[in-house]
Amino acid sequence: MLKKYLFKNFSSSFFPIFFTLFSITSIVYLVKIASLTSVIQLNILELLLLYIYTIPKILFFVLPISYFVGLVMTFSKLSGEYELLVISSFGKNPISILKYFLPLTLVLSFCLLVISEISIPKASFLNSKFIYTKKNEAQFNIKASQFGQEFGPWLIFIKDETKDKKLIDVKLLSKDGINKKFIIASTANMENINGNLNLSLNKGKSFLINDSLEQINYEKMILLDNKEQHSYSNFTNIIDYWEDLTTNKSKAKDFVFNILVSIFPLISLLFIVIFGYFNPRYEKNKTTLYSSLLILLFFILSKQLIALNPFLILIAMPIFWVLISYIIYTKTIKKKY
C-alpha cells in the first residue's frame, strides 16, 4: 500500500515536469530545425524527420532532470503535509522509503545509457547525412537550356527535364585545359550514393580530345561531384563507433559525460532525501531551489573536470558525489529521522 501511494504521488509530480521540459526543449530544437529552411528546402515530413532525430537528445537531458526533481518534490510534498513524519513514526526511516524507488532508478539509468551511447550517435549520424544530402541537392540546381552551369569539374548543358527529374539530352565539357573531354548522354539522373550526389548518364558517347580524337560508347556512366565528397559509412556497430576513445579526446569526453548524466539519478538518491525531508513547522520548503542548484552544479563540474582527464573523472566523480551526499545525510537527516 505504501509503495503504491508513493508512486502515485511521484507520478503526479514527475509527468507535469517532464512534459513541460520536453515541450520547451522541443520548441527550441524545432526553431533550430526551421532555421535550416533558409539554406535548404524542407517539407513538413522532412521537418518531422529531423525533429525525430533530435528526440533521443531531448530525452537524455529531460528524463534525469525530471526524475530527480519529481522525486524531490514528491518527498517535499509529503513532508509539507506531515505524511513523511507519520510514516517515520511507524519505523520507516528515509532510506527504507527511498529503496522503493531504487529499481525504477536503475532502469532509468540503464535506459539513459542506451539512449546516450547508442541512440544519440545513430540519430546524429542520420541527421548529419540527411542535411548534407539536402544541401548537395540544393547545390545541384541544373536548369534546362541554360549555359555556364557546373557539375564538379564539368560544364553541363541539358536540353530538357521531365517532371520526375530525368534530364534529357545532356552534354558535358571538362574544364581541364590540357585534355579536353566531351560527354553526351541521351538521359541522365541524379543519384544519392552514400550521401553524395552523383550524375548517372545513360546511352551516350565520351570523347577525349588531345593529339587525336578517342571515342567510347557507353550504356551507363556515373560522374562524381568532386567539389565536396563525404563518405558516410553504414552505422551498424556501436562498438566500432566508440573504438577510438583512447585517441579521440573529444569523443572520450562525450562518452564519459553521457555515463555521468545517465547515472546522475542513481548517485543522487541521498540528495532526494536531504532536500525532500523537512519539518514544515520549523523549516521552509526550498526543494526547487536546492534541486536546481544541485543539477546545475553537477553538469558544470562534470563538464569542467572531464576536460582534464575523462576516464579518471568517470571513476572519481560518482565516488565523490555519493560520499558528499552521505556525509550531508548523516549530519542532517539521519540524526532527526
C-alpha atoms as a PDB file:
ATOM      1  CA  MET A   1       0.000   0.000   0.000  1.00  0.00           C
ATOM      2  CA  LEU A   2       2.763   2.428   0.934  1.00  0.00           C
ATOM      3  CA  LYS A   3       4.684   1.718  -2.271  1.00  0.00           C
ATOM      4  CA  LYS A   4       1.584   2.276  -4.392  1.00  0.00           C
ATOM      5  CA  TYR A   5       0.828   5.517  -2.563  1.00  0.00           C
ATOM      6  CA  LEU A   6       4.388   6.803  -3.012  1.00  0.00           C
ATOM      7  CA  PHE A   7       4.409   6.035  -6.739  1.00  0.00           C
ATOM      8  CA  LYS A   8       1.029   7.699  -7.185  1.00  0.00           C
ATOM      9  CA  ASN A   9       2.388  10.883  -5.628  1.00  0.00           C
ATOM     10  CA  PHE A  10       5.561  10.618  -7.688  1.00  0.00           C
ATOM     11  CA  SER A  11       3.567  10.321 -10.927  1.00  0.00           C
ATOM     12  CA  SER A  12       1.627  13.481 -10.133  1.00  0.00           C
ATOM     13  CA  SER A  13       4.935  15.350  -9.736  1.00  0.00           C
ATOM     14  CA  PHE A  14       7.032  13.732 -12.470  1.00  0.00           C
ATOM     15  CA  PHE A  15       4.773  13.887 -15.522  1.00  0.00           C
ATOM     16  CA  PRO A  16       3.921  17.628 -15.389  1.00  0.00           C
ATOM     17  CA  ILE A  17       7.636  18.440 -15.042  1.00  0.00           C
ATOM     18  CA  PHE A  18       8.607  16.013 -17.802  1.00  0.00           C
ATOM     19  CA  PHE A  19       6.039  17.219 -20.338  1.00  0.00           C
ATOM     20  CA  THR A  20       6.801  20.870 -19.585  1.00  0.00           C
ATOM     21  CA  LEU A  21      10.560  20.446 -20.048  1.00  0.00           C
ATOM     22  CA  PHE A  22      10.063  18.187 -23.068  1.00  0.00           C
ATOM     23  CA  SER A  23       7.780  20.743 -24.735  1.00  0.00           C
ATOM     24  CA  ILE A  24      10.116  23.675 -24.078  1.00  0.00           C
ATOM     25  CA  THR A  25      13.167  21.774 -25.329  1.00  0.00           C
ATOM     26  CA  SER A  26      11.262  20.541 -28.378  1.00  0.00           C
ATOM     27  CA  ILE A  27      10.297  24.094 -29.298  1.00  0.00           C
ATOM     28  CA  VAL A  28      13.951  25.161 -29.083  1.00  0.00           C
ATOM     29  CA  TYR A  29      15.007  22.338 -31.402  1.00  0.00           C
ATOM     30  CA  LEU A  30      12.108  22.963 -33.792  1.00  0.00           C
ATOM     31  CA  VAL A  31      13.145  26.612 -34.117  1.00  0.00           C
ATOM     32  CA  LYS A  32      16.697  25.463 -34.828  1.00  0.00           C
ATOM     33  CA  ILE A  33      15.440  22.990 -37.440  1.00  0.00           C
ATOM     34  CA  ALA A  34      13.184  25.602 -39.030  1.00  0.00           C
ATOM     35  CA  SER A  35      16.192  27.897 -39.470  1.00  0.00           C
ATOM     36  CA  LEU A  36      17.615  25.326 -41.904  1.00  0.00           C
ATOM     37  CA  THR A  37      14.903  26.263 -44.393  1.00  0.00           C
ATOM     38  CA  SER A  38      16.917  29.374 -45.226  1.00  0.00           C
ATOM     39  CA  VAL A  39      19.636  27.065 -46.593  1.00  0.00           C
ATOM     40  CA  ILE A  40      17.746  24.005 -47.824  1.00  0.00           C
ATOM     41  CA  GLN A  41      14.195  23.231 -48.889  1.00  0.00           C
ATOM     42  CA  LEU A  42      12.279  21.061 -46.421  1.00  0.00           C
ATOM     43  CA  ASN A  43       8.696  19.867 -46.493  1.00  0.00           C
ATOM     44  CA  ILE A  44       6.599  19.036 -43.424  1.00  0.00           C
ATOM     45  CA  LEU A  45       7.570  15.356 -43.407  1.00  0.00           C
ATOM     46  CA  GLU A  46      11.273  16.205 -43.646  1.00  0.00           C
ATOM     47  CA  LEU A  47      10.956  18.697 -40.786  1.00  0.00           C
ATOM     48  CA  LEU A  48       9.245  15.993 -38.749  1.00  0.00           C
ATOM     49  CA  LEU A  49      12.024  13.533 -39.600  1.00  0.00           C
ATOM     50  CA  LEU A  50      14.707  15.960 -38.415  1.00  0.00           C
ATOM     51  CA  TYR A  51      12.748  16.504 -35.203  1.00  0.00           C
ATOM     52  CA  ILE A  52      12.551  12.735 -34.636  1.00  0.00           C
ATOM     53  CA  TYR A  53      16.348  12.609 -34.905  1.00  0.00           C
ATOM     54  CA  THR A  54      16.571  15.097 -32.000  1.00  0.00           C
ATOM     55  CA  ILE A  55      14.223  13.182 -29.669  1.00  0.00           C
ATOM     56  CA  PRO A  56      16.964  10.941 -28.158  1.00  0.00           C
ATOM     57  CA  LYS A  57      18.992  14.013 -27.244  1.00  0.00           C
ATOM     58  CA  ILE A  58      15.925  15.718 -25.748  1.00  0.00           C
ATOM     59  CA  LEU A  59      15.032  12.647 -23.690  1.00  0.00           C
ATOM     60  CA  PHE A  60      18.604  12.255 -22.487  1.00  0.00           C
ATOM     61  CA  PHE A  61      18.586  15.641 -20.756  1.00  0.00           C
ATOM     62  CA  VAL A  62      14.912  15.915 -19.821  1.00  0.00           C
ATOM     63  CA  LEU A  63      14.463  12.473 -18.225  1.00  0.00           C
ATOM     64  CA  PRO A  64      17.145  12.628 -15.476  1.00  0.00           C
ATOM     65  CA  ILE A  65      16.252  16.201 -14.537  1.00  0.00           C
ATOM     66  CA  SER A  66      12.509  15.457 -14.447  1.00  0.00           C
ATOM     67  CA  TYR A  67      13.049  12.273 -12.463  1.00  0.00           C
ATOM     68  CA  PHE A  68      15.281  13.874  -9.843  1.00  0.00           C
ATOM     69  CA  VAL A  69      13.156  16.998  -9.397  1.00  0.00           C
ATOM     70  CA  GLY A  70       9.975  14.903  -9.430  1.00  0.00           C
ATOM     71  CA  LEU A  71      11.250  12.680  -6.622  1.00  0.00           C
ATOM     72  CA  VAL A  72      12.441  15.622  -4.545  1.00  0.00           C
ATOM     73  CA  MET A  73       9.079  17.354  -4.967  1.00  0.00           C
ATOM     74  CA  THR A  74       7.279  14.131  -4.035  1.00  0.00           C
ATOM     75  CA  PHE A  75       9.204  13.871  -0.774  1.00  0.00           C
ATOM     76  CA  SER A  76       8.844  17.587  -0.042  1.00  0.00           C
ATOM     77  CA  LYS A  77       5.090  17.443  -0.699  1.00  0.00           C
ATOM     78  CA  LEU A  78       4.689  14.526   1.697  1.00  0.00           C
ATOM     79  CA  SER A  79       6.871  16.345   4.237  1.00  0.00           C
ATOM     80  CA  GLY A  80       4.836  19.519   3.875  1.00  0.00           C
ATOM     81  CA  GLU A  81       1.667  17.578   4.646  1.00  0.00           C
ATOM     82  CA  TYR A  82       3.343  15.822   7.629  1.00  0.00           C
ATOM     83  CA  GLU A  83       2.883  12.444   5.936  1.00  0.00           C
ATOM     84  CA  LEU A  84       6.578  11.550   5.937  1.00  0.00           C
ATOM     85  CA  LEU A  85       6.733  12.365   9.642  1.00  0.00           C
ATOM     86  CA  VAL A  86       3.836   9.983  10.261  1.00  0.00           C
ATOM     87  CA  ILE A  87       5.463   7.273   8.124  1.00  0.00           C
ATOM     88  CA  SER A  88       8.734   7.753  10.027  1.00  0.00           C
ATOM     89  CA  SER A  89       6.904   7.344  13.335  1.00  0.00           C
ATOM     90  CA  PHE A  90       5.877   3.843  12.230  1.00  0.00           C
ATOM     91  CA  GLY A  91       9.523   2.810  11.896  1.00  0.00           C
ATOM     92  CA  LYS A  92      10.129   3.661   8.242  1.00  0.00           C
ATOM     93  CA  ASN A  93      13.369   5.616   8.009  1.00  0.00           C
ATOM     94  CA  PRO A  94      14.226   7.733   4.915  1.00  0.00           C
ATOM     95  CA  ILE A  95      16.491   5.070   3.395  1.00  0.00           C
ATOM     96  CA  SER A  96      13.816   2.361   3.602  1.00  0.00           C
ATOM     97  CA  ILE A  97      11.358   4.670   1.831  1.00  0.00           C
ATOM     98  CA  LEU A  98      13.957   5.565  -0.776  1.00  0.00           C
ATOM     99  CA  LYS A  99      14.532   1.863  -1.514  1.00  0.00           C
ATOM    100  CA  TYR A 100      11.101   1.657  -3.140  1.00  0.00           C
ATOM    101  CA  PHE A 101      12.437   3.853  -5.950  1.00  0.00           C
ATOM    102  CA  LEU A 102      15.776   2.066  -6.380  1.00  0.00           C
ATOM    103  CA  PRO A 103      14.615  -0.464  -9.055  1.00  0.00           C
ATOM    104  CA  LEU A 104      12.989   2.289 -11.124  1.00  0.00           C
ATOM    105  CA  THR A 105      16.126   4.414 -10.807  1.00  0.00           C
ATOM    106  CA  LEU A 106      18.308   1.542 -12.026  1.00  0.00           C
ATOM    107  CA  VAL A 107      16.033   1.008 -15.033  1.00  0.00           C
ATOM    108  CA  LEU A 108      16.113   4.728 -15.815  1.00  0.00           C
ATOM    109  CA  SER A 109      19.923   4.877 -15.662  1.00  0.00           C
ATOM    110  CA  PHE A 110      20.193   1.859 -17.959  1.00  0.00           C
ATOM    111  CA  CYS A 111      17.761   3.430 -20.450  1.00  0.00           C
ATOM    112  CA  LEU A 112      19.722   6.673 -20.376  1.00  0.00           C
ATOM    113  CA  LEU A 113      22.928   4.764 -21.115  1.00  0.00           C
ATOM    114  CA  VAL A 114      21.292   3.130 -24.140  1.00  0.00           C
ATOM    115  CA  ILE A 115      19.930   6.467 -25.351  1.00  0.00           C
ATOM    116  CA  SER A 116      23.207   8.344 -24.909  1.00  0.00           C
ATOM    117  CA  GLU A 117      25.725   5.761 -26.102  1.00  0.00           C
ATOM    118  CA  ILE A 118      23.683   4.141 -28.892  1.00  0.00           C
ATOM    119  CA  SER A 119      20.614   6.139 -29.940  1.00  0.00           C
ATOM    120  CA  ILE A 120      22.145   9.630 -29.932  1.00  0.00           C
ATOM    121  CA  PRO A 121      25.217   8.742 -32.068  1.00  0.00           C
ATOM    122  CA  LYS A 122      22.973   6.899 -34.533  1.00  0.00           C
ATOM    123  CA  ALA A 123      20.450   9.758 -34.701  1.00  0.00           C
ATOM    124  CA  SER A 124      23.220  12.359 -35.060  1.00  0.00           C
ATOM    125  CA  PHE A 125      24.713  10.352 -37.924  1.00  0.00           C
ATOM    126  CA  LEU A 126      21.359  10.165 -39.731  1.00  0.00           C
ATOM    127  CA  ASN A 127      20.711  13.855 -39.088  1.00  0.00           C
ATOM    128  CA  SER A 128      24.098  14.941 -40.497  1.00  0.00           C
ATOM    129  CA  LYS A 129      23.748  12.673 -43.502  1.00  0.00           C
ATOM    130  CA  PHE A 130      20.259  13.972 -44.268  1.00  0.00           C
ATOM    131  CA  ILE A 131      21.252  17.648 -44.008  1.00  0.00           C
ATOM    132  CA  TYR A 132      24.359  17.111 -46.140  1.00  0.00           C
ATOM    133  CA  THR A 133      22.304  15.367 -48.826  1.00  0.00           C
ATOM    134  CA  LYS A 134      19.732  18.173 -48.871  1.00  0.00           C
ATOM    135  CA  LYS A 135      22.482  20.797 -49.135  1.00  0.00           C
ATOM    136  CA  ASN A 136      24.005  18.867 -52.005  1.00  0.00           C
ATOM    137  CA  GLU A 137      20.634  18.710 -53.725  1.00  0.00           C
ATOM    138  CA  ALA A 138      20.286  22.467 -53.318  1.00  0.00           C
ATOM    139  CA  GLN A 139      23.690  22.961 -54.970  1.00  0.00           C
ATOM    140  CA  PHE A 140      22.722  20.609 -57.790  1.00  0.00           C
ATOM    141  CA  ASN A 141      20.225  23.017 -59.290  1.00  0.00           C
ATOM    142  CA  ILE A 142      20.815  22.448 -63.000  1.00  0.00           C
ATOM    143  CA  LYS A 143      18.193  24.086 -65.202  1.00  0.00           C
ATOM    144  CA  ALA A 144      17.281  23.217 -68.758  1.00  0.00           C
ATOM    145  CA  SER A 145      18.530  25.304 -71.698  1.00  0.00           C
ATOM    146  CA  GLN A 146      20.937  27.411 -69.625  1.00  0.00           C
ATOM    147  CA  PHE A 147      24.654  27.811 -70.377  1.00  0.00           C
ATOM    148  CA  GLY A 148      27.528  28.200 -67.886  1.00  0.00           C
ATOM    149  CA  GLN A 149      26.233  25.706 -65.316  1.00  0.00           C
ATOM    150  CA  GLU A 150      28.672  23.450 -63.485  1.00  0.00           C
ATOM    151  CA  PHE A 151      28.754  19.953 -62.038  1.00  0.00           C
ATOM    152  CA  GLY A 152      32.044  19.432 -60.231  1.00  0.00           C
ATOM    153  CA  PRO A 153      34.844  19.817 -62.815  1.00  0.00           C
ATOM    154  CA  TRP A 154      32.359  19.803 -65.711  1.00  0.00           C
ATOM    155  CA  LEU A 155      30.410  22.421 -67.609  1.00  0.00           C
ATOM    156  CA  ILE A 156      26.958  20.979 -68.166  1.00  0.00           C
ATOM    157  CA  PHE A 157      24.097  21.735 -70.524  1.00  0.00           C
ATOM    158  CA  ILE A 158      20.749  19.941 -70.620  1.00  0.00           C
ATOM    159  CA  LYS A 159      18.080  20.357 -73.241  1.00  0.00           C
ATOM    160  CA  ASP A 160      15.069  19.439 -71.130  1.00  0.00           C
ATOM    161  CA  GLU A 161      13.938  17.976 -67.806  1.00  0.00           C
ATOM    162  CA  THR A 162      10.902  15.783 -67.122  1.00  0.00           C
ATOM    163  CA  LYS A 163       8.565  16.048 -64.146  1.00  0.00           C
ATOM    164  CA  ASP A 164      10.267  13.081 -62.472  1.00  0.00           C
ATOM    165  CA  LYS A 165      13.629  14.943 -62.606  1.00  0.00           C
ATOM    166  CA  LYS A 166      15.039  12.962 -65.540  1.00  0.00           C
ATOM    167  CA  LEU A 167      17.489  15.040 -67.595  1.00  0.00           C
ATOM    168  CA  ILE A 168      17.125  14.853 -71.384  1.00  0.00           C
ATOM    169  CA  ASP A 169      19.912  15.273 -73.969  1.00  0.00           C
ATOM    170  CA  VAL A 170      22.824  16.041 -71.629  1.00  0.00           C
ATOM    171  CA  LYS A 171      26.182  17.455 -72.733  1.00  0.00           C
ATOM    172  CA  LEU A 172      29.262  17.854 -70.507  1.00  0.00           C
ATOM    173  CA  LEU A 173      32.602  19.513 -71.225  1.00  0.00           C
ATOM    174  CA  SER A 174      35.579  19.194 -68.891  1.00  0.00           C
ATOM    175  CA  LYS A 175      37.156  22.405 -67.587  1.00  0.00           C
ATOM    176  CA  ASP A 176      40.641  20.870 -67.753  1.00  0.00           C
ATOM    177  CA  GLY A 177      42.614  22.959 -70.244  1.00  0.00           C
ATOM    178  CA  ILE A 178      45.112  20.197 -71.159  1.00  0.00           C
ATOM    179  CA  ASN A 179      42.979  17.216 -72.160  1.00  0.00           C
ATOM    180  CA  LYS A 180      39.504  18.158 -73.237  1.00  0.00           C
ATOM    181  CA  LYS A 181      36.760  15.661 -72.514  1.00  0.00           C
ATOM    182  CA  PHE A 182      33.316  15.846 -74.013  1.00  0.00           C
ATOM    183  CA  ILE A 183      30.415  13.626 -72.983  1.00  0.00           C
ATOM    184  CA  ILE A 184      26.926  13.373 -74.372  1.00  0.00           C
ATOM    185  CA  ALA A 185      24.058  11.305 -72.971  1.00  0.00           C
ATOM    186  CA  SER A 186      20.500  10.726 -74.082  1.00  0.00           C
ATOM    187  CA  THR A 187      19.222  10.814 -70.480  1.00  0.00           C
ATOM    188  CA  ALA A 188      20.644  11.306 -67.004  1.00  0.00           C
ATOM    189  CA  ASN A 189      19.531  11.047 -63.382  1.00  0.00           C
ATOM    190  CA  MET A 190      20.800  12.474 -60.143  1.00  0.00           C
ATOM    191  CA  GLU A 191      21.648   9.712 -57.651  1.00  0.00           C
ATOM    192  CA  ASN A 192      22.423   9.721 -53.951  1.00  0.00           C
ATOM    193  CA  ILE A 193      25.257   7.273 -53.204  1.00  0.00           C
ATOM    194  CA  ASN A 194      26.358   7.145 -49.558  1.00  0.00           C
ATOM    195  CA  GLY A 195      25.225  10.710 -49.012  1.00  0.00           C
ATOM    196  CA  ASN A 196      26.994  12.047 -52.128  1.00  0.00           C
ATOM    197  CA  LEU A 197      25.127  13.240 -55.197  1.00  0.00           C
ATOM    198  CA  ASN A 198      26.322  11.784 -58.469  1.00  0.00           C
ATOM    199  CA  LEU A 199      25.198  12.030 -62.074  1.00  0.00           C
ATOM    200  CA  SER A 200      24.171   8.788 -63.752  1.00  0.00           C
ATOM    201  CA  LEU A 201      24.412   9.046 -67.568  1.00  0.00           C
ATOM    202  CA  ASN A 202      22.576   6.651 -69.879  1.00  0.00           C
ATOM    203  CA  LYS A 203      23.277   5.679 -73.513  1.00  0.00           C
ATOM    204  CA  GLY A 204      25.827   8.129 -74.827  1.00  0.00           C
ATOM    205  CA  LYS A 205      29.332   8.772 -76.053  1.00  0.00           C
ATOM    206  CA  SER A 206      32.525  10.035 -74.437  1.00  0.00           C
ATOM    207  CA  PHE A 207      35.235  11.877 -76.370  1.00  0.00           C
ATOM    208  CA  LEU A 208      38.841  12.526 -75.308  1.00  0.00           C
ATOM    209  CA  ILE A 209      40.397  15.309 -77.341  1.00  0.00           C
ATOM    210  CA  ASN A 210      44.207  15.676 -77.325  1.00  0.00           C
ATOM    211  CA  ASP A 211      46.522  14.994 -80.258  1.00  0.00           C
ATOM    212  CA  SER A 212      43.895  12.606 -81.571  1.00  0.00           C
ATOM    213  CA  LEU A 213      40.212  12.009 -81.006  1.00  0.00           C
ATOM    214  CA  GLU A 214      39.213   8.997 -78.907  1.00  0.00           C
ATOM    215  CA  GLN A 215      35.608   7.886 -78.668  1.00  0.00           C
ATOM    216  CA  ILE A 216      33.921   5.497 -76.246  1.00  0.00           C
ATOM    217  CA  ASN A 217      30.307   4.406 -76.486  1.00  0.00           C
ATOM    218  CA  TYR A 218      28.660   3.522 -73.193  1.00  0.00           C
ATOM    219  CA  GLU A 219      25.343   2.296 -71.821  1.00  0.00           C
ATOM    220  CA  LYS A 220      25.807   3.756 -68.338  1.00  0.00           C
ATOM    221  CA  MET A 221      28.355   6.090 -66.769  1.00  0.00           C
ATOM    222  CA  ILE A 222      28.476   7.649 -63.314  1.00  0.00           C
ATOM    223  CA  LEU A 223      30.147  11.014 -62.691  1.00  0.00           C
ATOM    224  CA  LEU A 224      31.107  12.039 -59.166  1.00  0.00           C
ATOM    225  CA  ASP A 225      30.747  15.606 -57.970  1.00  0.00           C
ATOM    226  CA  ASN A 226      34.282  16.175 -56.665  1.00  0.00           C
ATOM    227  CA  LYS A 227      33.570  19.570 -55.136  1.00  0.00           C
ATOM    228  CA  GLU A 228      32.903  18.102 -51.726  1.00  0.00           C
ATOM    229  CA  GLN A 229      32.779  14.384 -51.158  1.00  0.00           C
ATOM    230  CA  HIS A 230      31.840  12.904 -47.811  1.00  0.00           C
ATOM    231  CA  SER A 231      31.949   9.203 -47.181  1.00  0.00           C
ATOM    232  CA  TYR A 232      29.289   8.032 -44.738  1.00  0.00           C
ATOM    233  CA  SER A 233      29.918   4.505 -43.509  1.00  0.00           C
ATOM    234  CA  ASN A 234      26.966   2.368 -42.515  1.00  0.00           C
ATOM    235  CA  PHE A 235      26.285   2.895 -38.815  1.00  0.00           C
ATOM    236  CA  THR A 236      25.638  -0.672 -37.699  1.00  0.00           C
ATOM    237  CA  ASN A 237      28.122  -1.341 -34.923  1.00  0.00           C
ATOM    238  CA  ILE A 238      28.217   0.914 -31.882  1.00  0.00           C
ATOM    239  CA  ILE A 239      31.478  -0.699 -30.728  1.00  0.00           C
ATOM    240  CA  ASP A 240      33.181   0.468 -33.908  1.00  0.00           C
ATOM    241  CA  TYR A 241      31.835   3.974 -33.328  1.00  0.00           C
ATOM    242  CA  TRP A 242      33.390   4.226 -29.854  1.00  0.00           C
ATOM    243  CA  GLU A 243      36.553   2.191 -30.586  1.00  0.00           C
ATOM    244  CA  ASP A 244      38.863   5.235 -30.837  1.00  0.00           C
ATOM    245  CA  LEU A 245      38.099   6.569 -27.351  1.00  0.00           C
ATOM    246  CA  THR A 246      41.734   6.407 -26.287  1.00  0.00           C
ATOM    247  CA  THR A 247      42.915   8.528 -29.223  1.00  0.00           C
ATOM    248  CA  ASN A 248      39.912  10.784 -29.810  1.00  0.00           C
ATOM    249  CA  LYS A 249      39.708  13.055 -26.754  1.00  0.00           C
ATOM    250  CA  SER A 250      36.533  14.807 -27.898  1.00  0.00           C
ATOM    251  CA  LYS A 251      34.719  11.504 -28.276  1.00  0.00           C
ATOM    252  CA  ALA A 252      36.112  10.293 -24.938  1.00  0.00           C
ATOM    253  CA  LYS A 253      34.714  13.376 -23.195  1.00  0.00           C
ATOM    254  CA  ASP A 254      31.292  12.796 -24.742  1.00  0.00           C
ATOM    255  CA  PHE A 255      31.374   9.131 -23.759  1.00  0.00           C
ATOM    256  CA  VAL A 256      32.210   9.853 -20.112  1.00  0.00           C
ATOM    257  CA  PHE A 257      29.782  12.771 -19.839  1.00  0.00           C
ATOM    258  CA  ASN A 258      26.987  10.556 -21.171  1.00  0.00           C
ATOM    259  CA  ILE A 259      27.700   7.958 -18.497  1.00  0.00           C
ATOM    260  CA  LEU A 260      27.805  10.532 -15.696  1.00  0.00           C
ATOM    261  CA  VAL A 261      24.496  12.080 -16.728  1.00  0.00           C
ATOM    262  CA  SER A 262      22.968   8.609 -17.081  1.00  0.00           C
ATOM    263  CA  ILE A 263      23.872   7.610 -13.530  1.00  0.00           C
ATOM    264  CA  PHE A 264      23.052  11.038 -12.062  1.00  0.00           C
ATOM    265  CA  PRO A 265      19.630   9.920 -10.724  1.00  0.00           C
ATOM    266  CA  LEU A 266      21.245   6.851  -9.142  1.00  0.00           C
ATOM    267  CA  ILE A 267      24.168   8.570  -7.416  1.00  0.00           C
ATOM    268  CA  SER A 268      21.929  11.446  -6.270  1.00  0.00           C
ATOM    269  CA  LEU A 269      19.345   9.381  -4.383  1.00  0.00           C
ATOM    270  CA  LEU A 270      20.536  10.579  -0.980  1.00  0.00           C
ATOM    271  CA  PHE A 271      20.182  14.196  -2.094  1.00  0.00           C
ATOM    272  CA  ILE A 272      16.488  13.465  -2.671  1.00  0.00           C
ATOM    273  CA  VAL A 273      16.131  12.629   0.999  1.00  0.00           C
ATOM    274  CA  ILE A 274      18.310  15.567   2.059  1.00  0.00           C
ATOM    275  CA  PHE A 275      16.189  18.081   0.132  1.00  0.00           C
ATOM    276  CA  GLY A 276      12.828  16.355   0.499  1.00  0.00           C
ATOM    277  CA  TYR A 277      12.756  15.697   4.233  1.00  0.00           C
ATOM    278  CA  PHE A 278      11.955  18.676   6.440  1.00  0.00           C
ATOM    279  CA  ASN A 279       9.643  19.681   9.262  1.00  0.00           C
ATOM    280  CA  PRO A 280       7.239  22.310   7.860  1.00  0.00           C
ATOM    281  CA  ARG A 281       6.718  23.758  11.328  1.00  0.00           C
ATOM    282  CA  TYR A 282      10.359  24.823  11.669  1.00  0.00           C
ATOM    283  CA  GLU A 283      11.798  24.772   8.135  1.00  0.00           C
ATOM    284  CA  LYS A 284      10.879  26.359   4.817  1.00  0.00           C
ATOM    285  CA  ASN A 285      10.400  24.321   1.658  1.00  0.00           C
ATOM    286  CA  LYS A 286      13.317  25.211  -0.618  1.00  0.00           C
ATOM    287  CA  THR A 287      13.456  21.960  -2.576  1.00  0.00           C
ATOM    288  CA  THR A 288      13.024  23.530  -6.018  1.00  0.00           C
ATOM    289  CA  LEU A 289      15.886  25.967  -5.446  1.00  0.00           C
ATOM    290  CA  TYR A 290      18.203  23.332  -3.973  1.00  0.00           C
ATOM    291  CA  SER A 291      17.397  20.812  -6.706  1.00  0.00           C
ATOM    292  CA  SER A 292      18.043  23.314  -9.480  1.00  0.00           C
ATOM    293  CA  LEU A 293      21.356  24.391  -7.962  1.00  0.00           C
ATOM    294  CA  LEU A 294      22.475  20.790  -7.467  1.00  0.00           C
ATOM    295  CA  ILE A 295      21.677  19.830 -11.083  1.00  0.00           C
ATOM    296  CA  LEU A 296      23.480  22.912 -12.342  1.00  0.00           C
ATOM    297  CA  LEU A 297      26.484  22.153 -10.122  1.00  0.00           C
ATOM    298  CA  PHE A 298      26.649  18.548 -11.320  1.00  0.00           C
ATOM    299  CA  PHE A 299      26.579  19.472 -15.002  1.00  0.00           C
ATOM    300  CA  ILE A 300      29.162  22.250 -14.620  1.00  0.00           C
ATOM    301  CA  LEU A 301      31.506  20.100 -12.530  1.00  0.00           C
ATOM    302  CA  SER A 302      31.212  17.184 -14.930  1.00  0.00           C
ATOM    303  CA  LYS A 303      31.949  19.291 -17.992  1.00  0.00           C
ATOM    304  CA  GLN A 304      34.887  21.096 -16.422  1.00  0.00           C
ATOM    305  CA  LEU A 305      36.533  18.070 -14.806  1.00  0.00           C
ATOM    306  CA  ILE A 306      36.096  15.781 -17.808  1.00  0.00           C
ATOM    307  CA  ALA A 307      38.184  18.202 -19.838  1.00  0.00           C
ATOM    308  CA  LEU A 308      41.137  17.409 -17.544  1.00  0.00           C
ATOM    309  CA  ASN A 309      41.044  13.609 -17.540  1.00  0.00           C
ATOM    310  CA  PRO A 310      37.853  11.911 -18.785  1.00  0.00           C
ATOM    311  CA  PHE A 311      38.449   8.348 -17.594  1.00  0.00           C
ATOM    312  CA  LEU A 312      39.776   9.388 -14.182  1.00  0.00           C
ATOM    313  CA  ILE A 313      36.692  11.548 -13.629  1.00  0.00           C
ATOM    314  CA  LEU A 314      34.464   8.651 -14.686  1.00  0.00           C
ATOM    315  CA  ILE A 315      35.622   6.837 -11.547  1.00  0.00           C
ATOM    316  CA  ALA A 316      36.243   9.772  -9.210  1.00  0.00           C
ATOM    317  CA  MET A 317      33.086  11.814  -9.824  1.00  0.00           C
ATOM    318  CA  PRO A 318      30.497   9.186  -8.786  1.00  0.00           C
ATOM    319  CA  ILE A 319      32.534   8.258  -5.682  1.00  0.00           C
ATOM    320  CA  PHE A 320      32.909  11.917  -4.704  1.00  0.00           C
ATOM    321  CA  TRP A 321      29.214  12.646  -5.333  1.00  0.00           C
ATOM    322  CA  VAL A 322      27.933   9.700  -3.291  1.00  0.00           C
ATOM    323  CA  LEU A 323      30.423  10.388  -0.482  1.00  0.00           C
ATOM    324  CA  ILE A 324      29.412  14.048  -0.199  1.00  0.00           C
ATOM    325  CA  SER A 325      25.715  13.155  -0.188  1.00  0.00           C
ATOM    326  CA  TYR A 326      26.260  10.515   2.512  1.00  0.00           C
ATOM    327  CA  ILE A 327      28.217  12.914   4.743  1.00  0.00           C
ATOM    328  CA  ILE A 328      25.488  15.558   4.446  1.00  0.00           C
ATOM    329  CA  TYR A 329      22.801  12.918   5.048  1.00  0.00           C
ATOM    330  CA  THR A 330      24.435  11.569   8.224  1.00  0.00           C
ATOM    331  CA  LYS A 331      24.949  15.062   9.638  1.00  0.00           C
ATOM    332  CA  THR A 332      21.387  16.239   8.922  1.00  0.00           C
ATOM    333  CA  ILE A 333      18.540  13.852   8.084  1.00  0.00           C
ATOM    334  CA  LYS A 334      19.860  10.669   9.728  1.00  0.00           C
ATOM    335  CA  LYS A 335      20.114  12.376  13.122  1.00  0.00           C
ATOM    336  CA  LYS A 336      16.487  13.523  13.023  1.00  0.00           C
ATOM    337  CA  TYR A 337      14.690  10.607  11.400  1.00  0.00           C
END
